[in-house]
Amino acid sequence: MDLGEITEKLRARVGDNSGLDATVKFDFGDDGLIFVDAASDPNTVSNDDKEADCTIRISLANFVKLMEGDMDPTTAFMMGRLKVEGSMGIAMKLSKIVG
């Protein structure tokens, strides 16, 4: 699955109002990024590099595993496969749209 396909899947999961009320950036390193603006109405999902309330650093392959339910986010965090910068509270709410 490439970045475009993942962006579209995440866009469908976020919808017009995810209830997150924050901005989140998923940083996949050299593979790109996804920016979720869930503070706007309607919510938007893009590949723009903007400042976010919470940044999740994870490999694209591991993010796909999270979205497909093949990896537990807590385990990924504890093993260092997922890193959180910014609000941990926002990161904890992401299971609604990612997992």
Protein backbone atom coordinates (compact mmCIF):
# COMPACT_ATOMS: atom_id res chain seq x y z
CA MET A 1 0.00 0.00 0.00
CA ASP A 2 1.46 3.39 -0.97
CA LEU A 3 1.11 6.80 0.66
CA GLY A 4 -1.77 7.85 -1.62
CA GLU A 5 -3.83 4.77 -0.78
CA ILE A 6 -3.17 5.17 2.94
CA THR A 7 -4.11 8.86 2.77
CA GLU A 8 -7.43 7.98 1.12
CA LYS A 9 -8.21 5.27 3.69
CA LEU A 10 -7.42 7.64 6.54
CA ARG A 11 -9.54 10.37 4.91
CA ALA A 12 -12.50 7.97 4.83
CA ARG A 13 -12.00 7.02 8.49
CA VAL A 14 -11.69 10.64 9.64
CA GLY A 15 -14.80 11.77 7.75
CA ASP A 16 -16.21 15.25 8.24
CA ASN A 17 -16.07 15.18 12.04
CA SER A 18 -13.82 12.68 13.80
CA GLY A 19 -14.41 14.27 17.21
CA LEU A 20 -10.64 14.59 17.68
CA ASP A 21 -10.64 18.44 17.71
CA ALA A 22 -6.88 18.64 17.12
CA THR A 23 -4.23 18.50 14.41
CA VAL A 24 -2.10 15.40 13.96
CA LYS A 25 0.86 14.66 11.71
CA PHE A 26 1.89 11.10 10.86
CA ASP A 27 5.56 11.31 9.86
CA PHE A 28 6.80 8.32 7.84
CA GLY A 29 10.30 9.72 7.32
CA ASP A 30 11.48 9.45 3.70
CA ASP A 31 8.13 7.85 2.74
CA GLY A 32 6.21 11.10 3.35
CA LEU A 33 3.59 12.23 5.82
CA ILE A 34 -0.12 12.64 6.41
CA PHE A 35 -1.59 15.72 8.11
CA VAL A 36 -5.01 15.43 9.75
CA ASP A 37 -6.74 18.71 10.56
CA ALA A 38 -9.52 17.55 12.86
CA ALA A 39 -9.78 21.02 14.40
CA SER A 40 -11.39 22.41 11.23
CA ASP A 41 -14.98 21.85 10.15
CA PRO A 42 -15.13 19.72 8.10
CA ASN A 43 -12.02 17.72 9.04
CA THR A 44 -9.39 17.45 6.31
CA VAL A 45 -6.61 14.98 5.52
CA SER A 46 -3.67 15.93 3.28
CA ASN A 47 -0.01 15.30 2.66
CA ASP A 48 0.94 18.86 3.63
CA ASP A 49 3.76 19.40 6.13
CA LYS A 50 2.22 21.68 8.78
CA GLU A 51 2.65 22.24 12.49
CA ALA A 52 0.52 19.82 14.51
CA ASP A 53 -0.67 19.43 18.11
CA CYS A 54 0.67 15.87 18.02
CA THR A 55 3.22 14.22 15.71
CA ILE A 56 3.42 10.45 15.37
CA ARG A 57 6.69 9.12 13.94
CA ILE A 58 6.35 5.61 12.55
CA SER A 59 7.44 3.68 9.48
CA LEU A 60 4.92 3.43 6.67
CA ALA A 61 4.96 -0.39 6.94
CA ASN A 62 4.16 -0.27 10.66
CA PHE A 63 1.41 2.30 10.11
CA VAL A 64 -0.23 -0.07 7.61
CA LYS A 65 -0.04 -2.81 10.27
CA LEU A 66 -1.75 -0.49 12.76
CA MET A 67 -4.52 0.38 10.30
CA GLU A 68 -5.10 -3.29 9.48
CA GLY A 69 -5.17 -4.31 13.15
CA ASP A 70 -1.98 -6.37 12.89
CA MET A 71 -0.09 -4.24 15.41
CA ASP A 72 -1.20 -2.91 18.79
CA PRO A 73 -0.45 0.82 19.19
CA THR A 74 0.55 0.48 22.84
CA THR A 75 2.96 -2.34 22.05
CA ALA A 76 4.37 -0.35 19.11
CA PHE A 77 4.96 2.63 21.42
CA MET A 78 6.60 0.50 24.13
CA MET A 79 8.89 -1.17 21.58
CA GLY A 80 9.94 2.17 20.10
CA ARG A 81 8.30 1.54 16.73
CA LEU A 82 5.96 4.49 17.29
CA LYS A 83 7.13 7.79 18.77
CA VAL A 84 4.86 10.60 19.98
CA GLU A 85 5.78 14.27 20.05
CA GLY A 86 3.35 16.75 21.55
CA SER A 87 0.11 15.86 23.28
CA MET A 88 -0.05 12.26 24.48
CA GLY A 89 -3.77 12.78 25.20
CA ILE A 90 -4.41 13.39 21.50
CA ALA A 91 -2.31 10.35 20.58
CA MET A 92 -4.46 8.17 22.85
CA LYS A 93 -7.61 9.32 21.01
CA LEU A 94 -6.21 8.24 17.63
CA SER A 95 -7.38 4.66 18.00
CA LYS A 96 -10.80 5.88 16.82
CA ILE A 97 -9.44 6.69 13.37
CA VAL A 98 -6.34 4.53 13.00
CA GLY A 99 -7.07 1.22 14.68
